């Protein structure tokens, strides 16, 4: 019995939506990081990460803008991540018939 090549296996997994779960979990992780309730922790971390540059003052000086943008990113990534993970595989194969 011949084993399928890795390329064939990868292509069939992509065709069946095998990478869909990864994108869903990645988007939910982004939603977790950008959740507005985490802003008291993430804004100082971003300021430290940008350390000494002109960009490090931006999050603290524009807290309302950063909060609104963070909420938008949170809601969009949560909605897309949730919808990707809750979608069922609608493709039918010859084995399903």
PDB file of N, CA and C in Angstrom:
ATOM      1  N   UNK A   1       0.839  -1.173   0.000  1.00  0.00           N
ATOM      2  CA  UNK A   1       0.000   0.000   0.000  1.00  0.00           C
ATOM      3  C   UNK A   1       0.885   1.236   0.000  1.00  0.00           C
ATOM      4  N   UNK A   2       0.581   2.156  -0.918  1.00  0.00           N
ATOM      5  CA  UNK A   2       1.390   3.353  -1.073  1.00  0.00           C
ATOM      6  C   UNK A   2       0.876   4.465  -0.176  1.00  0.00           C
ATOM      7  N   UNK A   3       1.781   5.100   0.539  1.00  0.00           N
ATOM      8  CA  UNK A   3       1.404   6.231   1.387  1.00  0.00           C
ATOM      9  C   UNK A   3       1.342   7.494   0.537  1.00  0.00           C
ATOM     10  N   UNK A   4       0.402   8.388   0.823  1.00  0.00           N
ATOM     11  CA  UNK A   4       0.345   9.636   0.063  1.00  0.00           C
ATOM     12  C   UNK A   4       1.545  10.512   0.393  1.00  0.00           C
ATOM     13  N   UNK A   5       1.943  11.290  -0.584  1.00  0.00           N
ATOM     14  CA  UNK A   5       3.078  12.183  -0.368  1.00  0.00           C
ATOM     15  C   UNK A   5       2.668  13.301   0.593  1.00  0.00           C
ATOM     16  N   UNK A   6       3.639  13.925   1.256  1.00  0.00           N
ATOM     17  CA  UNK A   6       3.304  15.021   2.179  1.00  0.00           C
ATOM     18  C   UNK A   6       2.565  16.171   1.492  1.00  0.00           C
ATOM     19  N   UNK A   7       2.901  16.437   0.223  1.00  0.00           N
ATOM     20  CA  UNK A   7       2.214  17.523  -0.482  1.00  0.00           C
ATOM     21  C   UNK A   7       0.742  17.194  -0.669  1.00  0.00           C
ATOM     22  N   UNK A   8       0.447  15.954  -1.028  1.00  0.00           N
ATOM     23  CA  UNK A   8      -0.939  15.537  -1.228  1.00  0.00           C
ATOM     24  C   UNK A   8      -1.703  15.605   0.082  1.00  0.00           C
ATOM     25  N   UNK A   9      -1.085  15.152   1.160  1.00  0.00           N
ATOM     26  CA  UNK A   9      -1.722  15.191   2.463  1.00  0.00           C
ATOM     27  C   UNK A   9      -1.999  16.632   2.882  1.00  0.00           C
ATOM     28  N   UNK A  10      -1.028  17.518   2.664  1.00  0.00           N
ATOM     29  CA  UNK A  10      -1.189  18.927   3.009  1.00  0.00           C
ATOM     30  C   UNK A  10      -2.299  19.569   2.180  1.00  0.00           C
ATOM     31  N   UNK A  11      -2.331  19.262   0.880  1.00  0.00           N
ATOM     32  CA  UNK A  11      -3.360  19.841   0.012  1.00  0.00           C
ATOM     33  C   UNK A  11      -4.741  19.345   0.403  1.00  0.00           C
ATOM     34  N   UNK A  12      -4.867  18.089   0.737  1.00  0.00           N
ATOM     35  CA  UNK A  12      -6.187  17.572   1.119  1.00  0.00           C
ATOM     36  C   UNK A  12      -6.623  18.147   2.455  1.00  0.00           C
ATOM     37  N   UNK A  13      -5.677  18.364   3.368  1.00  0.00           N
ATOM     38  CA  UNK A  13      -6.025  18.961   4.657  1.00  0.00           C
ATOM     39  C   UNK A  13      -6.486  20.396   4.479  1.00  0.00           C
ATOM     40  N   UNK A  14      -5.822  21.153   3.588  1.00  0.00           N
ATOM     41  CA  UNK A  14      -6.240  22.527   3.333  1.00  0.00           C
ATOM     42  C   UNK A  14      -7.595  22.563   2.638  1.00  0.00           C
ATOM     43  N   UNK A  15      -7.818  21.635   1.728  1.00  0.00           N
ATOM     44  CA  UNK A  15      -9.094  21.598   1.023  1.00  0.00           C
ATOM     45  C   UNK A  15     -10.237  21.252   1.967  1.00  0.00           C
ATOM     46  N   UNK A  16      -9.965  20.454   2.987  1.00  0.00           N
ATOM     47  CA  UNK A  16     -11.015  20.079   3.924  1.00  0.00           C
ATOM     48  C   UNK A  16     -11.144  21.055   5.075  1.00  0.00           C
ATOM     49  N   UNK A  17     -10.346  22.131   5.095  1.00  0.00           N
ATOM     50  CA  UNK A  17     -10.447  23.128   6.155  1.00  0.00           C
ATOM     51  C   UNK A  17      -9.639  22.779   7.382  1.00  0.00           C
ATOM     52  N   UNK A  18      -8.567  21.998   7.245  1.00  0.00           N
ATOM     53  CA  UNK A  18      -7.774  21.576   8.384  1.00  0.00           C
ATOM     54  C   UNK A  18      -7.053  22.713   9.086  1.00  0.00           C
ATOM     55  N   UNK A  19      -6.686  23.756   8.376  1.00  0.00           N
ATOM     56  CA  UNK A  19      -6.012  24.887   8.996  1.00  0.00           C
ATOM     57  C   UNK A  19      -6.968  25.888   9.605  1.00  0.00           C
ATOM     58  N   UNK A  20      -8.252  25.640   9.462  1.00  0.00           N
ATOM     59  CA  UNK A  20      -9.263  26.567   9.943  1.00  0.00           C
ATOM     60  C   UNK A  20      -9.212  26.708  11.461  1.00  0.00           C
ATOM     61  N   UNK A  21      -9.000  25.605  12.170  1.00  0.00           N
ATOM     62  CA  UNK A  21      -8.945  25.656  13.627  1.00  0.00           C
ATOM     63  C   UNK A  21      -7.790  26.509  14.123  1.00  0.00           C
ATOM     64  N   UNK A  22      -6.656  26.418  13.440  1.00  0.00           N
ATOM     65  CA  UNK A  22      -5.494  27.212  13.825  1.00  0.00           C
ATOM     66  C   UNK A  22      -5.795  28.702  13.725  1.00  0.00           C
ATOM     67  N   UNK A  23      -6.428  29.119  12.618  1.00  0.00           N
ATOM     68  CA  UNK A  23      -6.773  30.536  12.458  1.00  0.00           C
ATOM     69  C   UNK A  23      -7.790  30.969  13.509  1.00  0.00           C
ATOM     70  N   UNK A  24      -8.727  30.125  13.823  1.00  0.00           N
ATOM     71  CA  UNK A  24      -9.721  30.457  14.835  1.00  0.00           C
ATOM     72  C   UNK A  24      -9.083  30.671  16.195  1.00  0.00           C
ATOM     73  N   UNK A  25      -8.195  29.755  16.583  1.00  0.00           N
ATOM     74  CA  UNK A  25      -7.521  29.895  17.873  1.00  0.00           C
ATOM     75  C   UNK A  25      -6.573  31.088  17.887  1.00  0.00           C
ATOM     76  N   UNK A  26      -5.933  31.364  16.762  1.00  0.00           N
ATOM     77  CA  UNK A  26      -5.055  32.527  16.681  1.00  0.00           C
ATOM     78  C   UNK A  26      -5.851  33.815  16.858  1.00  0.00           C
ATOM     79  N   UNK A  27      -7.003  33.907  16.211  1.00  0.00           N
ATOM     80  CA  UNK A  27      -7.835  35.093  16.355  1.00  0.00           C
ATOM     81  C   UNK A  27      -8.390  35.231  17.773  1.00  0.00           C
ATOM     82  N   UNK A  28      -8.728  34.128  18.402  1.00  0.00           N
ATOM     83  CA  UNK A  28      -9.180  34.201  19.796  1.00  0.00           C
ATOM     84  C   UNK A  28      -8.041  34.624  20.722  1.00  0.00           C
ATOM     85  N   UNK A  29      -6.825  34.223  20.401  1.00  0.00           N
ATOM     86  CA  UNK A  29      -5.665  34.687  21.175  1.00  0.00           C
ATOM     87  C   UNK A  29      -5.446  36.181  21.016  1.00  0.00           C
ATOM     88  N   UNK A  30      -5.622  36.684  19.794  1.00  0.00           N
ATOM     89  CA  UNK A  30      -5.525  38.129  19.556  1.00  0.00           C
ATOM     90  C   UNK A  30      -6.614  38.851  20.337  1.00  0.00           C
ATOM     91  N   UNK A  31      -7.822  38.284  20.355  1.00  0.00           N
ATOM     92  CA  UNK A  31      -8.913  38.888  21.116  1.00  0.00           C
ATOM     93  C   UNK A  31      -8.573  38.930  22.603  1.00  0.00           C
ATOM     94  N   UNK A  32      -7.949  37.886  23.104  1.00  0.00           N
ATOM     95  CA  UNK A  32      -7.570  37.867  24.515  1.00  0.00           C
ATOM     96  C   UNK A  32      -6.558  38.959  24.840  1.00  0.00           C
ATOM     97  N   UNK A  33      -5.583  39.144  23.971  1.00  0.00           N
ATOM     98  CA  UNK A  33      -4.554  40.159  24.214  1.00  0.00           C
ATOM     99  C   UNK A  33      -5.132  41.566  24.130  1.00  0.00           C
ATOM    100  N   UNK A  34      -6.038  41.803  23.160  1.00  0.00           N
ATOM    101  CA  UNK A  34      -6.583  43.137  22.955  1.00  0.00           C
ATOM    102  C   UNK A  34      -7.860  43.399  23.744  1.00  0.00           C
ATOM    103  N   UNK A  35      -8.233  42.502  24.623  1.00  0.00           N
ATOM    104  CA  UNK A  35      -9.423  42.699  25.441  1.00  0.00           C
ATOM    105  C   UNK A  35      -9.256  43.992  26.255  1.00  0.00           C
ATOM    106  N   UNK A  36     -10.266  44.870  26.243  1.00  0.00           N
ATOM    107  CA  UNK A  36     -10.146  46.141  26.966  1.00  0.00           C
ATOM    108  C   UNK A  36      -9.896  45.981  28.467  1.00  0.00           C
ATOM    109  N   UNK A  37     -10.295  44.880  29.046  1.00  0.00           N
ATOM    110  CA  UNK A  37     -10.041  44.706  30.481  1.00  0.00           C
ATOM    111  C   UNK A  37      -8.562  44.451  30.774  1.00  0.00           C
ATOM    112  N   UNK A  38      -7.775  44.091  29.748  1.00  0.00           N
ATOM    113  CA  UNK A  38      -6.344  43.875  29.934  1.00  0.00           C
ATOM    114  C   UNK A  38      -5.515  45.125  29.658  1.00  0.00           C
ATOM    115  N   UNK A  39      -6.147  46.221  29.261  1.00  0.00           N
ATOM    116  CA  UNK A  39      -5.399  47.426  28.893  1.00  0.00           C
ATOM    117  C   UNK A  39      -4.505  47.972  30.003  1.00  0.00           C
ATOM    118  N   UNK A  40      -4.923  47.932  31.268  1.00  0.00           N
ATOM    119  CA  UNK A  40      -3.990  48.422  32.300  1.00  0.00           C
ATOM    120  C   UNK A  40      -2.676  47.643  32.341  1.00  0.00           C
ATOM    121  N   UNK A  41      -2.675  46.428  31.815  1.00  0.00           N
ATOM    122  CA  UNK A  41      -1.442  45.638  31.767  1.00  0.00           C
ATOM    123  C   UNK A  41      -0.726  45.776  30.430  1.00  0.00           C
ATOM    124  N   UNK A  42      -1.488  45.810  29.336  1.00  0.00           N
ATOM    125  CA  UNK A  42      -0.856  45.794  28.024  1.00  0.00           C
ATOM    126  C   UNK A  42      -0.293  47.145  27.612  1.00  0.00           C
ATOM    127  N   UNK A  43      -0.936  48.242  27.985  1.00  0.00           N
ATOM    128  CA  UNK A  43      -0.407  49.559  27.587  1.00  0.00           C
ATOM    129  C   UNK A  43       0.965  49.819  28.202  1.00  0.00           C
ATOM    130  N   UNK A  44       1.174  49.592  29.504  1.00  0.00           N
ATOM    131  CA  UNK A  44       2.544  49.768  30.025  1.00  0.00           C
ATOM    132  C   UNK A  44       3.555  48.801  29.400  1.00  0.00           C
ATOM    133  N   UNK A  45       3.115  47.565  29.098  1.00  0.00           N
ATOM    134  CA  UNK A  45       4.036  46.626  28.462  1.00  0.00           C
ATOM    135  C   UNK A  45       4.436  47.090  27.067  1.00  0.00           C
ATOM    136  N   UNK A  46       3.481  47.642  26.321  1.00  0.00           N
ATOM    137  CA  UNK A  46       3.797  48.171  24.994  1.00  0.00           C
ATOM    138  C   UNK A  46       4.731  49.368  25.119  1.00  0.00           C
ATOM    139  N   UNK A  47       4.489  50.230  26.096  1.00  0.00           N
ATOM    140  CA  UNK A  47       5.354  51.393  26.297  1.00  0.00           C
ATOM    141  C   UNK A  47       6.776  50.966  26.654  1.00  0.00           C
ATOM    142  N   UNK A  48       6.910  49.931  27.478  1.00  0.00           N
ATOM    143  CA  UNK A  48       8.245  49.426  27.833  1.00  0.00           C
ATOM    144  C   UNK A  48       8.890  48.759  26.625  1.00  0.00           C
ATOM    145  N   UNK A  49       8.092  47.995  25.863  1.00  0.00           N
ATOM    146  CA  UNK A  49       8.615  47.306  24.691  1.00  0.00           C
ATOM    147  C   UNK A  49       9.122  48.307  23.661  1.00  0.00           C
ATOM    148  N   UNK A  50       8.406  49.419  23.505  1.00  0.00           N
ATOM    149  CA  UNK A  50       8.851  50.446  22.564  1.00  0.00           C
ATOM    150  C   UNK A  50       9.954  51.307  23.161  1.00  0.00           C
ATOM    151  N   UNK A  51      10.241  51.093  24.378  1.00  0.00           N
ATOM    152  CA  UNK A  51      11.210  51.747  25.222  1.00  0.00           C
ATOM    153  C   UNK A  51      11.883  53.018  24.746  1.00  0.00           C
ATOM    154  N   UNK A  52      12.014  54.080  25.095  1.00  0.00           N
ATOM    155  CA  UNK A  52      12.738  55.276  24.731  1.00  0.00           C
ATOM    156  C   UNK A  52      12.425  55.894  23.379  1.00  0.00           C
ATOM    157  N   UNK A  53      11.644  55.251  22.551  1.00  0.00           N
ATOM    158  CA  UNK A  53      11.340  55.837  21.250  1.00  0.00           C
ATOM    159  C   UNK A  53      10.157  56.792  21.386  1.00  0.00           C
ATOM    160  N   UNK A  54       9.924  57.542  20.333  1.00  0.00           N
ATOM    161  CA  UNK A  54       8.808  58.491  20.356  1.00  0.00           C
ATOM    162  C   UNK A  54       7.469  57.754  20.429  1.00  0.00           C
ATOM    163  N   UNK A  55       7.424  56.539  19.928  1.00  0.00           N
ATOM    164  CA  UNK A  55       6.182  55.762  19.970  1.00  0.00           C
ATOM    165  C   UNK A  55       5.807  55.313  21.379  1.00  0.00           C
ATOM    166  N   UNK A  56       6.751  55.262  22.287  1.00  0.00           N
ATOM    167  CA  UNK A  56       6.443  54.794  23.638  1.00  0.00           C
ATOM    168  C   UNK A  56       5.523  55.764  24.378  1.00  0.00           C
ATOM    169  N   UNK A  57       5.515  57.026  24.008  1.00  0.00           N
ATOM    170  CA  UNK A  57       4.645  58.007  24.663  1.00  0.00           C
ATOM    171  C   UNK A  57       3.235  57.995  24.090  1.00  0.00           C
ATOM    172  N   UNK A  58       3.048  57.422  22.916  1.00  0.00           N
ATOM    173  CA  UNK A  58       1.746  57.457  22.254  1.00  0.00           C
ATOM    174  C   UNK A  58       0.636  56.753  23.033  1.00  0.00           C
ATOM    175  N   UNK A  59       0.823  55.519  23.517  1.00  0.00           N
ATOM    176  CA  UNK A  59      -0.276  54.860  24.235  1.00  0.00           C
ATOM    177  C   UNK A  59      -0.728  55.607  25.484  1.00  0.00           C
ATOM    178  N   UNK A  60       0.197  56.169  26.218  1.00  0.00           N
ATOM    179  CA  UNK A  60      -0.176  56.896  27.430  1.00  0.00           C
ATOM    180  C   UNK A  60      -0.831  58.235  27.139  1.00  0.00           C
ATOM    181  N   UNK A  61      -0.382  58.907  26.089  1.00  0.00           N
ATOM    182  CA  UNK A  61      -0.924  60.223  25.755  1.00  0.00           C
ATOM    183  C   UNK A  61      -2.277  60.126  25.060  1.00  0.00           C
ATOM    184  N   UNK A  62      -2.554  59.043  24.401  1.00  0.00           N
ATOM    185  CA  UNK A  62      -3.812  58.865  23.661  1.00  0.00           C
ATOM    186  C   UNK A  62      -4.567  57.647  24.174  1.00  0.00           C
ATOM    187  N   UNK A  63      -4.839  57.636  25.458  1.00  0.00           N
ATOM    188  CA  UNK A  63      -5.451  56.469  26.088  1.00  0.00           C
ATOM    189  C   UNK A  63      -6.831  56.156  25.510  1.00  0.00           C
ATOM    190  N   UNK A  64      -7.636  57.185  25.233  1.00  0.00           N
ATOM    191  CA  UNK A  64      -8.987  56.963  24.706  1.00  0.00           C
ATOM    192  C   UNK A  64      -8.911  56.339  23.310  1.00  0.00           C
ATOM    193  N   UNK A  65      -8.053  56.876  22.461  1.00  0.00           N
ATOM    194  CA  UNK A  65      -7.895  56.326  21.110  1.00  0.00           C
ATOM    195  C   UNK A  65      -7.408  54.878  21.153  1.00  0.00           C
ATOM    196  N   UNK A  66      -6.431  54.614  22.003  1.00  0.00           N
ATOM    197  CA  UNK A  66      -5.905  53.260  22.134  1.00  0.00           C
ATOM    198  C   UNK A  66      -6.987  52.314  22.662  1.00  0.00           C
ATOM    199  N   UNK A  67      -7.805  52.789  23.596  1.00  0.00           N
ATOM    200  CA  UNK A  67      -8.888  51.970  24.138  1.00  0.00           C
ATOM    201  C   UNK A  67      -9.924  51.655  23.071  1.00  0.00           C
ATOM    202  N   UNK A  68     -10.320  52.642  22.269  1.00  0.00           N
ATOM    203  CA  UNK A  68     -11.310  52.420  21.212  1.00  0.00           C
ATOM    204  C   UNK A  68     -10.756  51.467  20.155  1.00  0.00           C
ATOM    205  N   UNK A  69      -9.526  51.685  19.708  1.00  0.00           N
ATOM    206  CA  UNK A  69      -8.922  50.786  18.714  1.00  0.00           C
ATOM    207  C   UNK A  69      -8.761  49.373  19.261  1.00  0.00           C
ATOM    208  N   UNK A  70      -8.394  49.272  20.517  1.00  0.00           N
ATOM    209  CA  UNK A  70      -8.257  47.960  21.138  1.00  0.00           C
ATOM    210  C   UNK A  70      -9.606  47.259  21.215  1.00  0.00           C
ATOM    211  N   UNK A  71     -10.660  47.988  21.538  1.00  0.00           N
ATOM    212  CA  UNK A  71     -11.994  47.389  21.608  1.00  0.00           C
ATOM    213  C   UNK A  71     -12.454  46.918  20.227  1.00  0.00           C
ATOM    214  N   UNK A  72     -12.139  47.692  19.190  1.00  0.00           N
ATOM    215  CA  UNK A  72     -12.525  47.300  17.830  1.00  0.00           C
ATOM    216  C   UNK A  72     -11.777  46.034  17.413  1.00  0.00           C
ATOM    217  N   UNK A  73     -10.468  46.001  17.662  1.00  0.00           N
ATOM    218  CA  UNK A  73      -9.674  44.814  17.321  1.00  0.00           C
ATOM    219  C   UNK A  73     -10.184  43.611  18.112  1.00  0.00           C
ATOM    220  N   UNK A  74     -10.503  43.820  19.382  1.00  0.00           N
ATOM    221  CA  UNK A  74     -11.025  42.748  20.220  1.00  0.00           C
ATOM    222  C   UNK A  74     -12.329  42.189  19.659  1.00  0.00           C
ATOM    223  N   UNK A  75     -13.276  43.063  19.342  1.00  0.00           N
ATOM    224  CA  UNK A  75     -14.582  42.605  18.857  1.00  0.00           C
ATOM    225  C   UNK A  75     -14.480  41.915  17.500  1.00  0.00           C
ATOM    226  N   UNK A  76     -13.685  42.472  16.590  1.00  0.00           N
ATOM    227  CA  UNK A  76     -13.553  41.875  15.258  1.00  0.00           C
ATOM    228  C   UNK A  76     -12.865  40.514  15.338  1.00  0.00           C
ATOM    229  N   UNK A  77     -11.768  40.424  16.077  1.00  0.00           N
ATOM    230  CA  UNK A  77     -11.062  39.140  16.165  1.00  0.00           C
ATOM    231  C   UNK A  77     -11.880  38.111  16.940  1.00  0.00           C
ATOM    232  N   UNK A  78     -12.623  38.539  17.933  1.00  0.00           N
ATOM    233  CA  UNK A  78     -13.480  37.607  18.660  1.00  0.00           C
ATOM    234  C   UNK A  78     -14.590  37.079  17.756  1.00  0.00           C
ATOM    235  N   UNK A  79     -15.212  37.964  16.989  1.00  0.00           N
ATOM    236  CA  UNK A  79     -16.297  37.541  16.097  1.00  0.00           C
ATOM    237  C   UNK A  79     -15.790  36.593  15.013  1.00  0.00           C
ATOM    238  N   UNK A  80     -14.679  36.943  14.363  1.00  0.00           N
ATOM    239  CA  UNK A  80     -14.154  36.080  13.310  1.00  0.00           C
ATOM    240  C   UNK A  80     -13.621  34.762  13.865  1.00  0.00           C
ATOM    241  N   UNK A  81     -12.910  34.814  14.978  1.00  0.00           N
ATOM    242  CA  UNK A  81     -12.400  33.576  15.583  1.00  0.00           C
ATOM    243  C   UNK A  81     -13.515  32.650  16.004  1.00  0.00           C
ATOM    244  N   UNK A  82     -14.546  33.213  16.614  1.00  0.00           N
ATOM    245  CA  UNK A  82     -15.679  32.404  17.047  1.00  0.00           C
ATOM    246  C   UNK A  82     -16.409  31.795  15.851  1.00  0.00           C
ATOM    247  N   UNK A  83     -16.596  32.603  14.794  1.00  0.00           N
ATOM    248  CA  UNK A  83     -17.317  32.085  13.629  1.00  0.00           C
ATOM    249  C   UNK A  83     -16.509  31.019  12.903  1.00  0.00           C
ATOM    250  N   UNK A  84     -15.198  31.172  12.850  1.00  0.00           N
ATOM    251  CA  UNK A  84     -14.360  30.164  12.198  1.00  0.00           C
ATOM    252  C   UNK A  84     -14.418  28.849  12.964  1.00  0.00           C
ATOM    253  N   UNK A  85     -14.354  28.920  14.285  1.00  0.00           N
ATOM    254  CA  UNK A  85     -14.355  27.688  15.070  1.00  0.00           C
ATOM    255  C   UNK A  85     -15.737  27.047  15.154  1.00  0.00           C
ATOM    256  N   UNK A  86     -16.789  27.823  15.000  1.00  0.00           N
ATOM    257  CA  UNK A  86     -18.124  27.239  15.125  1.00  0.00           C
ATOM    258  C   UNK A  86     -18.679  26.760  13.792  1.00  0.00           C
ATOM    259  N   UNK A  87     -18.022  27.110  12.685  1.00  0.00           N
ATOM    260  CA  UNK A  87     -18.473  26.650  11.375  1.00  0.00           C
ATOM    261  C   UNK A  87     -18.271  25.152  11.240  1.00  0.00           C
ATOM    262  N   UNK A  88     -19.216  24.508  10.649  1.00  0.00           N
ATOM    263  CA  UNK A  88     -19.066  23.070  10.387  1.00  0.00           C
ATOM    264  C   UNK A  88     -18.526  22.878   8.986  1.00  0.00           C
ATOM    265  N   UNK A  89     -17.910  21.753   8.778  1.00  0.00           N
ATOM    266  CA  UNK A  89     -17.380  21.434   7.457  1.00  0.00           C
ATOM    267  C   UNK A  89     -18.550  21.113   6.534  1.00  0.00           C
ATOM    268  N   UNK A  90     -18.780  21.966   5.533  1.00  0.00           N
ATOM    269  CA  UNK A  90     -19.916  21.776   4.641  1.00  0.00           C
ATOM    270  C   UNK A  90     -19.536  21.048   3.367  1.00  0.00           C
ATOM    271  N   UNK A  91     -18.275  20.730   3.195  1.00  0.00           N
ATOM    272  CA  UNK A  91     -17.837  20.009   1.997  1.00  0.00           C
ATOM    273  C   UNK A  91     -18.228  18.547   2.134  1.00  0.00           C
ATOM    274  N   UNK A  92     -18.697  17.986   1.051  1.00  0.00           N
ATOM    275  CA  UNK A  92     -18.993  16.555   1.059  1.00  0.00           C
ATOM    276  C   UNK A  92     -17.986  15.853   0.174  1.00  0.00           C
ATOM    277  N   UNK A  93     -17.565  14.725   0.613  1.00  0.00           N
ATOM    278  CA  UNK A  93     -16.626  13.923  -0.156  1.00  0.00           C
ATOM    279  C   UNK A  93     -17.354  12.695  -0.661  1.00  0.00           C
ATOM    280  N   UNK A  94     -16.689  11.925  -1.470  1.00  0.00           N
ATOM    281  CA  UNK A  94     -17.317  10.713  -2.007  1.00  0.00           C
ATOM    282  C   UNK A  94     -17.602   9.708  -0.904  1.00  0.00           C
ATOM    283  N   UNK A  95     -16.824   9.758   0.212  1.00  0.00           N
ATOM    284  CA  UNK A  95     -17.062   8.843   1.311  1.00  0.00           C
ATOM    285  C   UNK A  95     -18.322   9.204   2.092  1.00  0.00           C
ATOM    286  N   UNK A  96     -18.695  10.516   2.095  1.00  0.00           N
ATOM    287  CA  UNK A  96     -19.865  10.955   2.847  1.00  0.00           C
ATOM    288  C   UNK A  96     -21.170  10.547   2.189  1.00  0.00           C
ATOM    289  N   UNK A  97     -21.130  10.232   0.919  1.00  0.00           N
ATOM    290  CA  UNK A  97     -22.373   9.909   0.193  1.00  0.00           C
ATOM    291  C   UNK A  97     -22.820   8.499   0.429  1.00  0.00           C
TER     292      UNK A  97
END
